[in-house]
Amino acid sequence: MALIDFILHIDAHMVSLVHQYGVGIYPILFAIVFIETGVVIFPFLPGDSFLFAAGALTALGGNVLRLPYVIGVCVIAAILGDMMNYWIGHTIGVRALYHSPISRFIKEDKVREAENFFNERGKWTIFLGRFMPFVRTFIPFIAGSSKMNWGIFSSFNIFGAIVWGTVVSAAGYFLGNIPIVSEHFSLIMLLIVFVSLVPIMVPYICLLYTSRCV
């Protein structure tokens, strides 16, 4: 319940955290982005919403948040988080799957197929996945378990993190300068959260009403 309340009222919590911790908000921002991208069991953390809120607060002024610092902290956290997630997948990914309850469904040829996919086409998956809430947590893990080339992964990981961190933070910053946005900030944050959840909700809704989405 506490996490749900944090997500739904992230604007109010963000302001409270900034006032309470001052420059300490930067380590908090780093931790949320790093854990969301680096720990495969925490895909539900509100990275997009938190970063957007931080960007908006930099535009409103009167606090310690500065857009270049927010972008820098987010980008570094996202890069390091994905790198850690990659190495977790690289080290224990497939092995863990083979010793899991679903191991009987895993075939060696499918593992090779996944490896080939990431080596040949997976680089754009690394970049585009950065903009997909929930999904972005699993992509580095799968890339690592598929033994995707480290150099290719790192390049697109860094590229994606820079673009993602800049776009989301800047969106918050520029929208925060619009009076109607600052006056209806809570409503906008709810909309951002809803949009972030759409990729997760659609498949389940489709499964409830039909055997497949047409």
C-alpha atoms as a PDB file:
ATOM      1  CA  MET A   1       0.000   0.000   0.000  1.00  0.00           C
ATOM      2  CA  ALA A   2       2.837   2.396   0.811  1.00  0.00           C
ATOM      3  CA  LEU A   3       4.426   1.778  -2.606  1.00  0.00           C
ATOM      4  CA  ILE A   4       1.101   2.312  -4.392  1.00  0.00           C
ATOM      5  CA  ASP A   5       0.560   5.563  -2.505  1.00  0.00           C
ATOM      6  CA  PHE A   6       4.098   6.669  -3.408  1.00  0.00           C
ATOM      7  CA  ILE A   7       3.470   6.000  -7.110  1.00  0.00           C
ATOM      8  CA  LEU A   8       0.034   7.649  -7.233  1.00  0.00           C
ATOM      9  CA  HIS A   9       1.171  10.742  -5.313  1.00  0.00           C
ATOM     10  CA  ILE A  10       4.752  10.889  -6.498  1.00  0.00           C
ATOM     11  CA  ASP A  11       4.617  14.654  -6.995  1.00  0.00           C
ATOM     12  CA  ALA A  12       3.797  15.319  -3.346  1.00  0.00           C
ATOM     13  CA  HIS A  13       6.323  12.752  -2.141  1.00  0.00           C
ATOM     14  CA  MET A  14       8.994  14.214  -4.411  1.00  0.00           C
ATOM     15  CA  VAL A  15       8.498  17.692  -2.971  1.00  0.00           C
ATOM     16  CA  SER A  16       8.569  16.256   0.538  1.00  0.00           C
ATOM     17  CA  LEU A  17      11.770  14.323  -0.140  1.00  0.00           C
ATOM     18  CA  VAL A  18      13.467  17.392  -1.616  1.00  0.00           C
ATOM     19  CA  HIS A  19      12.562  19.522   1.391  1.00  0.00           C
ATOM     20  CA  GLN A  20      13.495  16.802   3.865  1.00  0.00           C
ATOM     21  CA  TYR A  21      16.794  15.628   2.394  1.00  0.00           C
ATOM     22  CA  GLY A  22      17.998  18.569   0.303  1.00  0.00           C
ATOM     23  CA  VAL A  23      20.917  17.454  -1.867  1.00  0.00           C
ATOM     24  CA  GLY A  24      20.325  13.973  -0.445  1.00  0.00           C
ATOM     25  CA  ILE A  25      17.566  13.658  -3.040  1.00  0.00           C
ATOM     26  CA  TYR A  26      20.238  12.887  -5.626  1.00  0.00           C
ATOM     27  CA  PRO A  27      21.336   9.595  -3.980  1.00  0.00           C
ATOM     28  CA  ILE A  28      17.649   8.686  -3.633  1.00  0.00           C
ATOM     29  CA  LEU A  29      17.061   9.363  -7.331  1.00  0.00           C
ATOM     30  CA  PHE A  30      20.183   7.360  -8.176  1.00  0.00           C
ATOM     31  CA  ALA A  31      19.036   4.430  -6.022  1.00  0.00           C
ATOM     32  CA  ILE A  32      15.546   4.246  -7.543  1.00  0.00           C
ATOM     33  CA  VAL A  33      16.816   4.291 -11.135  1.00  0.00           C
ATOM     34  CA  PHE A  34      19.706   1.924 -10.367  1.00  0.00           C
ATOM     35  CA  ILE A  35      17.535  -0.641  -8.578  1.00  0.00           C
ATOM     36  CA  GLU A  36      14.774  -0.489 -11.195  1.00  0.00           C
ATOM     37  CA  THR A  37      17.228  -1.149 -14.022  1.00  0.00           C
ATOM     38  CA  GLY A  38      19.769  -3.276 -12.166  1.00  0.00           C
ATOM     39  CA  VAL A  39      17.721  -5.715 -10.095  1.00  0.00           C
ATOM     40  CA  VAL A  40      15.491  -7.945 -12.168  1.00  0.00           C
ATOM     41  CA  ILE A  41      12.965  -8.494  -9.336  1.00  0.00           C
ATOM     42  CA  PHE A  42      12.164  -4.765  -9.015  1.00  0.00           C
ATOM     43  CA  PRO A  43      10.664  -3.765 -12.388  1.00  0.00           C
ATOM     44  CA  PHE A  44       7.739  -1.995 -10.727  1.00  0.00           C
ATOM     45  CA  LEU A  45       9.685   0.946  -9.289  1.00  0.00           C
ATOM     46  CA  PRO A  46       8.452   4.274 -10.767  1.00  0.00           C
ATOM     47  CA  GLY A  47      11.630   5.321 -12.584  1.00  0.00           C
ATOM     48  CA  ASP A  48       9.911   7.307 -15.356  1.00  0.00           C
ATOM     49  CA  SER A  49       7.476   9.085 -13.056  1.00  0.00           C
ATOM     50  CA  PHE A  50      10.124   9.906 -10.453  1.00  0.00           C
ATOM     51  CA  LEU A  51      12.489  11.286 -13.079  1.00  0.00           C
ATOM     52  CA  PHE A  52       9.729  13.311 -14.742  1.00  0.00           C
ATOM     53  CA  ALA A  53       8.770  14.765 -11.363  1.00  0.00           C
ATOM     54  CA  ALA A  54      12.403  15.656 -10.654  1.00  0.00           C
ATOM     55  CA  GLY A  55      12.678  17.394 -14.021  1.00  0.00           C
ATOM     56  CA  ALA A  56       9.486  19.351 -13.373  1.00  0.00           C
ATOM     57  CA  LEU A  57      10.702  20.474  -9.956  1.00  0.00           C
ATOM     58  CA  THR A  58      13.906  21.829 -11.485  1.00  0.00           C
ATOM     59  CA  ALA A  59      11.726  24.134 -13.589  1.00  0.00           C
ATOM     60  CA  LEU A  60       9.646  25.307 -10.647  1.00  0.00           C
ATOM     61  CA  GLY A  61      12.786  26.443  -8.801  1.00  0.00           C
ATOM     62  CA  GLY A  62      13.150  27.135  -5.099  1.00  0.00           C
ATOM     63  CA  ASN A  63      14.898  23.820  -4.395  1.00  0.00           C
ATOM     64  CA  VAL A  64      18.250  22.066  -4.766  1.00  0.00           C
ATOM     65  CA  LEU A  65      17.349  20.191  -7.947  1.00  0.00           C
ATOM     66  CA  ARG A  66      19.154  21.269 -11.115  1.00  0.00           C
ATOM     67  CA  LEU A  67      18.345  19.772 -14.507  1.00  0.00           C
ATOM     68  CA  PRO A  68      21.955  18.927 -15.556  1.00  0.00           C
ATOM     69  CA  TYR A  69      22.537  17.155 -12.231  1.00  0.00           C
ATOM     70  CA  VAL A  70      19.242  15.258 -12.446  1.00  0.00           C
ATOM     71  CA  ILE A  71      20.073  14.095 -15.965  1.00  0.00           C
ATOM     72  CA  GLY A  72      23.633  13.173 -15.000  1.00  0.00           C
ATOM     73  CA  VAL A  73      22.618  11.184 -11.924  1.00  0.00           C
ATOM     74  CA  CYS A  74      19.877   9.372 -13.828  1.00  0.00           C
ATOM     75  CA  VAL A  75      22.064   8.511 -16.811  1.00  0.00           C
ATOM     76  CA  ILE A  76      24.900   7.156 -14.650  1.00  0.00           C
ATOM     77  CA  ALA A  77      22.471   5.138 -12.511  1.00  0.00           C
ATOM     78  CA  ALA A  78      20.755   3.689 -15.598  1.00  0.00           C
ATOM     79  CA  ILE A  79      24.053   2.734 -17.242  1.00  0.00           C
ATOM     80  CA  LEU A  80      25.470   1.078 -14.121  1.00  0.00           C
ATOM     81  CA  GLY A  81      22.154  -0.611 -13.317  1.00  0.00           C
ATOM     82  CA  ASP A  82      21.888  -2.187 -16.748  1.00  0.00           C
ATOM     83  CA  MET A  83      25.524  -3.275 -16.627  1.00  0.00           C
ATOM     84  CA  MET A  84      24.967  -5.016 -13.300  1.00  0.00           C
ATOM     85  CA  ASN A  85      21.777  -6.618 -14.607  1.00  0.00           C
ATOM     86  CA  TYR A  86      23.669  -7.834 -17.663  1.00  0.00           C
ATOM     87  CA  TRP A  87      26.354  -9.490 -15.555  1.00  0.00           C
ATOM     88  CA  ILE A  88      23.782 -11.079 -13.265  1.00  0.00           C
ATOM     89  CA  GLY A  89      22.152 -12.609 -16.324  1.00  0.00           C
ATOM     90  CA  HIS A  90      25.544 -13.487 -17.793  1.00  0.00           C
ATOM     91  CA  THR A  91      26.611 -15.246 -14.584  1.00  0.00           C
ATOM     92  CA  ILE A  92      23.482 -16.982 -13.314  1.00  0.00           C
ATOM     93  CA  GLY A  93      20.768 -16.399 -15.917  1.00  0.00           C
ATOM     94  CA  VAL A  94      20.593 -19.604 -17.901  1.00  0.00           C
ATOM     95  CA  ARG A  95      21.984 -21.683 -15.042  1.00  0.00           C
ATOM     96  CA  ALA A  96      19.231 -20.409 -12.754  1.00  0.00           C
ATOM     97  CA  LEU A  97      16.618 -21.201 -15.393  1.00  0.00           C
ATOM     98  CA  TYR A  98      17.922 -24.738 -15.779  1.00  0.00           C
ATOM     99  CA  HIS A  99      17.480 -25.297 -12.043  1.00  0.00           C
ATOM    100  CA  SER A 100      14.103 -23.622 -11.824  1.00  0.00           C
ATOM    101  CA  PRO A 101      10.642 -25.256 -11.898  1.00  0.00           C
ATOM    102  CA  ILE A 102      10.367 -24.365 -15.606  1.00  0.00           C
ATOM    103  CA  SER A 103      13.681 -26.007 -16.541  1.00  0.00           C
ATOM    104  CA  ARG A 104      11.964 -28.876 -18.366  1.00  0.00           C
ATOM    105  CA  PHE A 105      10.561 -26.367 -20.853  1.00  0.00           C
ATOM    106  CA  ILE A 106      13.998 -24.924 -21.694  1.00  0.00           C
ATOM    107  CA  LYS A 107      15.775 -26.381 -24.718  1.00  0.00           C
ATOM    108  CA  GLU A 108      19.390 -25.836 -25.645  1.00  0.00           C
ATOM    109  CA  ASP A 109      18.533 -24.860 -29.216  1.00  0.00           C
ATOM    110  CA  LYS A 110      16.220 -22.136 -27.909  1.00  0.00           C
ATOM    111  CA  VAL A 111      19.035 -20.758 -25.784  1.00  0.00           C
ATOM    112  CA  ARG A 112      21.258 -20.618 -28.876  1.00  0.00           C
ATOM    113  CA  GLU A 113      18.435 -18.946 -30.797  1.00  0.00           C
ATOM    114  CA  ALA A 114      18.133 -16.257 -28.117  1.00  0.00           C
ATOM    115  CA  GLU A 115      21.880 -15.708 -28.193  1.00  0.00           C
ATOM    116  CA  ASN A 116      21.839 -15.296 -31.973  1.00  0.00           C
ATOM    117  CA  PHE A 117      18.900 -12.883 -31.739  1.00  0.00           C
ATOM    118  CA  PHE A 118      20.727 -10.536 -29.378  1.00  0.00           C
ATOM    119  CA  ASN A 119      23.987 -10.759 -31.301  1.00  0.00           C
ATOM    120  CA  GLU A 120      22.308  -9.958 -34.639  1.00  0.00           C
ATOM    121  CA  ARG A 121      19.327  -7.746 -33.776  1.00  0.00           C
ATOM    122  CA  GLY A 122      19.362  -7.275 -30.040  1.00  0.00           C
ATOM    123  CA  LYS A 123      21.301  -4.022 -30.049  1.00  0.00           C
ATOM    124  CA  TRP A 124      18.190  -2.025 -30.957  1.00  0.00           C
ATOM    125  CA  THR A 125      16.229  -3.969 -28.367  1.00  0.00           C
ATOM    126  CA  ILE A 126      18.633  -2.603 -25.754  1.00  0.00           C
ATOM    127  CA  PHE A 127      18.012   0.974 -26.897  1.00  0.00           C
ATOM    128  CA  LEU A 128      14.251   0.850 -27.472  1.00  0.00           C
ATOM    129  CA  GLY A 129      13.614  -1.208 -24.353  1.00  0.00           C
ATOM    130  CA  ARG A 130      14.910   1.669 -22.257  1.00  0.00           C
ATOM    131  CA  PHE A 131      11.669   3.532 -22.977  1.00  0.00           C
ATOM    132  CA  MET A 132       9.420   0.608 -21.996  1.00  0.00           C
ATOM    133  CA  PRO A 133       8.525   0.527 -18.289  1.00  0.00           C
ATOM    134  CA  PHE A 134       8.758  -2.913 -16.676  1.00  0.00           C
ATOM    135  CA  VAL A 135      10.229  -4.464 -19.824  1.00  0.00           C
ATOM    136  CA  ARG A 136      13.493  -2.512 -19.574  1.00  0.00           C
ATOM    137  CA  THR A 137      14.356  -4.328 -16.339  1.00  0.00           C
ATOM    138  CA  PHE A 138      14.403  -7.725 -18.054  1.00  0.00           C
ATOM    139  CA  ILE A 139      16.173  -6.858 -21.300  1.00  0.00           C
ATOM    140  CA  PRO A 140      19.717  -6.515 -19.847  1.00  0.00           C
ATOM    141  CA  PHE A 141      19.242  -9.757 -17.909  1.00  0.00           C
ATOM    142  CA  ILE A 142      18.186 -11.620 -21.042  1.00  0.00           C
ATOM    143  CA  ALA A 143      21.015 -10.025 -23.010  1.00  0.00           C
ATOM    144  CA  GLY A 144      23.492 -11.224 -20.399  1.00  0.00           C
ATOM    145  CA  SER A 145      22.081 -14.736 -20.165  1.00  0.00           C
ATOM    146  CA  SER A 146      22.139 -14.906 -23.974  1.00  0.00           C
ATOM    147  CA  LYS A 147      25.842 -13.950 -23.899  1.00  0.00           C
ATOM    148  CA  MET A 148      25.308 -10.857 -26.052  1.00  0.00           C
ATOM    149  CA  ASN A 149      28.575  -9.192 -27.005  1.00  0.00           C
ATOM    150  CA  TRP A 150      29.617  -6.920 -24.120  1.00  0.00           C
ATOM    151  CA  GLY A 151      30.881  -4.133 -26.359  1.00  0.00           C
ATOM    152  CA  ILE A 152      27.653  -3.965 -28.360  1.00  0.00           C
ATOM    153  CA  PHE A 153      25.547  -4.116 -25.205  1.00  0.00           C
ATOM    154  CA  SER A 154      27.555  -1.365 -23.508  1.00  0.00           C
ATOM    155  CA  SER A 155      27.373   0.949 -26.521  1.00  0.00           C
ATOM    156  CA  PHE A 156      23.594   0.749 -26.884  1.00  0.00           C
ATOM    157  CA  ASN A 157      23.119   0.733 -23.126  1.00  0.00           C
ATOM    158  CA  ILE A 158      25.010   4.026 -22.801  1.00  0.00           C
ATOM    159  CA  PHE A 159      23.280   5.512 -25.856  1.00  0.00           C
ATOM    160  CA  GLY A 160      19.838   4.516 -24.590  1.00  0.00           C
ATOM    161  CA  ALA A 161      20.491   5.761 -21.060  1.00  0.00           C
ATOM    162  CA  ILE A 162      21.655   9.173 -22.284  1.00  0.00           C
ATOM    163  CA  VAL A 163      18.645   9.637 -24.575  1.00  0.00           C
ATOM    164  CA  TRP A 164      16.139   8.305 -22.019  1.00  0.00           C
ATOM    165  CA  GLY A 165      17.479  10.313 -19.091  1.00  0.00           C
ATOM    166  CA  THR A 166      17.644  13.497 -21.128  1.00  0.00           C
ATOM    167  CA  VAL A 167      14.216  13.143 -22.770  1.00  0.00           C
ATOM    168  CA  VAL A 168      12.261  12.264 -19.612  1.00  0.00           C
ATOM    169  CA  SER A 169      13.992  14.888 -17.441  1.00  0.00           C
ATOM    170  CA  ALA A 170      13.702  17.584 -20.103  1.00  0.00           C
ATOM    171  CA  ALA A 171      10.037  16.733 -20.654  1.00  0.00           C
ATOM    172  CA  GLY A 172       9.406  17.350 -16.975  1.00  0.00           C
ATOM    173  CA  TYR A 173      11.438  20.553 -17.072  1.00  0.00           C
ATOM    174  CA  PHE A 174       9.734  22.128 -20.067  1.00  0.00           C
ATOM    175  CA  LEU A 175       6.237  20.997 -19.131  1.00  0.00           C
ATOM    176  CA  GLY A 176       6.850  22.322 -15.638  1.00  0.00           C
ATOM    177  CA  ASN A 177       7.293  25.808 -17.092  1.00  0.00           C
ATOM    178  CA  ILE A 178       3.730  25.780 -18.428  1.00  0.00           C
ATOM    179  CA  PRO A 179       1.323  27.307 -15.863  1.00  0.00           C
ATOM    180  CA  ILE A 180      -1.456  24.821 -16.562  1.00  0.00           C
ATOM    181  CA  VAL A 181       0.998  22.005 -15.926  1.00  0.00           C
ATOM    182  CA  SER A 182       2.191  23.356 -12.586  1.00  0.00           C
ATOM    183  CA  GLU A 183      -1.435  23.976 -11.554  1.00  0.00           C
ATOM    184  CA  HIS A 184      -2.505  20.431 -12.433  1.00  0.00           C
ATOM    185  CA  PHE A 185       0.710  18.638 -11.604  1.00  0.00           C
ATOM    186  CA  SER A 186      -0.952  15.794  -9.671  1.00  0.00           C
ATOM    187  CA  LEU A 187      -3.325  15.014 -12.537  1.00  0.00           C
ATOM    188  CA  ILE A 188      -0.443  14.980 -15.014  1.00  0.00           C
ATOM    189  CA  MET A 189       1.542  12.614 -12.815  1.00  0.00           C
ATOM    190  CA  LEU A 190      -1.436  10.255 -12.652  1.00  0.00           C
ATOM    191  CA  LEU A 191      -1.585  10.359 -16.456  1.00  0.00           C
ATOM    192  CA  ILE A 192       2.148   9.614 -16.714  1.00  0.00           C
ATOM    193  CA  VAL A 193       1.772   6.664 -14.348  1.00  0.00           C
ATOM    194  CA  PHE A 194      -1.226   5.368 -16.305  1.00  0.00           C
ATOM    195  CA  VAL A 195       0.631   5.598 -19.623  1.00  0.00           C
ATOM    196  CA  SER A 196       3.615   3.835 -18.043  1.00  0.00           C
ATOM    197  CA  LEU A 197       1.357   0.978 -16.962  1.00  0.00           C
ATOM    198  CA  VAL A 198      -0.383   0.539 -20.341  1.00  0.00           C
ATOM    199  CA  PRO A 199       2.283  -1.835 -21.786  1.00  0.00           C
ATOM    200  CA  ILE A 200       1.799  -4.045 -18.731  1.00  0.00           C
ATOM    201  CA  MET A 201      -2.003  -3.870 -18.620  1.00  0.00           C
ATOM    202  CA  VAL A 202      -2.861  -4.487 -22.292  1.00  0.00           C
ATOM    203  CA  PRO A 203      -1.667  -8.130 -22.541  1.00  0.00           C
ATOM    204  CA  TYR A 204      -3.600  -9.095 -19.408  1.00  0.00           C
ATOM    205  CA  ILE A 205      -6.749  -7.319 -20.596  1.00  0.00           C
ATOM    206  CA  CYS A 206      -6.486  -9.119 -23.937  1.00  0.00           C
ATOM    207  CA  LEU A 207      -6.136 -12.467 -22.194  1.00  0.00           C
ATOM    208  CA  LEU A 208      -9.236 -11.780 -20.126  1.00  0.00           C
ATOM    209  CA  TYR A 209     -11.529 -11.097 -23.079  1.00  0.00           C
ATOM    210  CA  THR A 210     -10.091 -13.062 -25.963  1.00  0.00           C
ATOM    211  CA  SER A 211      -7.556 -15.724 -26.758  1.00  0.00           C
ATOM    212  CA  ARG A 212      -5.557 -13.243 -28.794  1.00  0.00           C
ATOM    213  CA  CYS A 213      -5.435  -9.548 -29.686  1.00  0.00           C
ATOM    214  CA  VAL A 214      -6.347  -8.821 -33.276  1.00  0.00           C
END
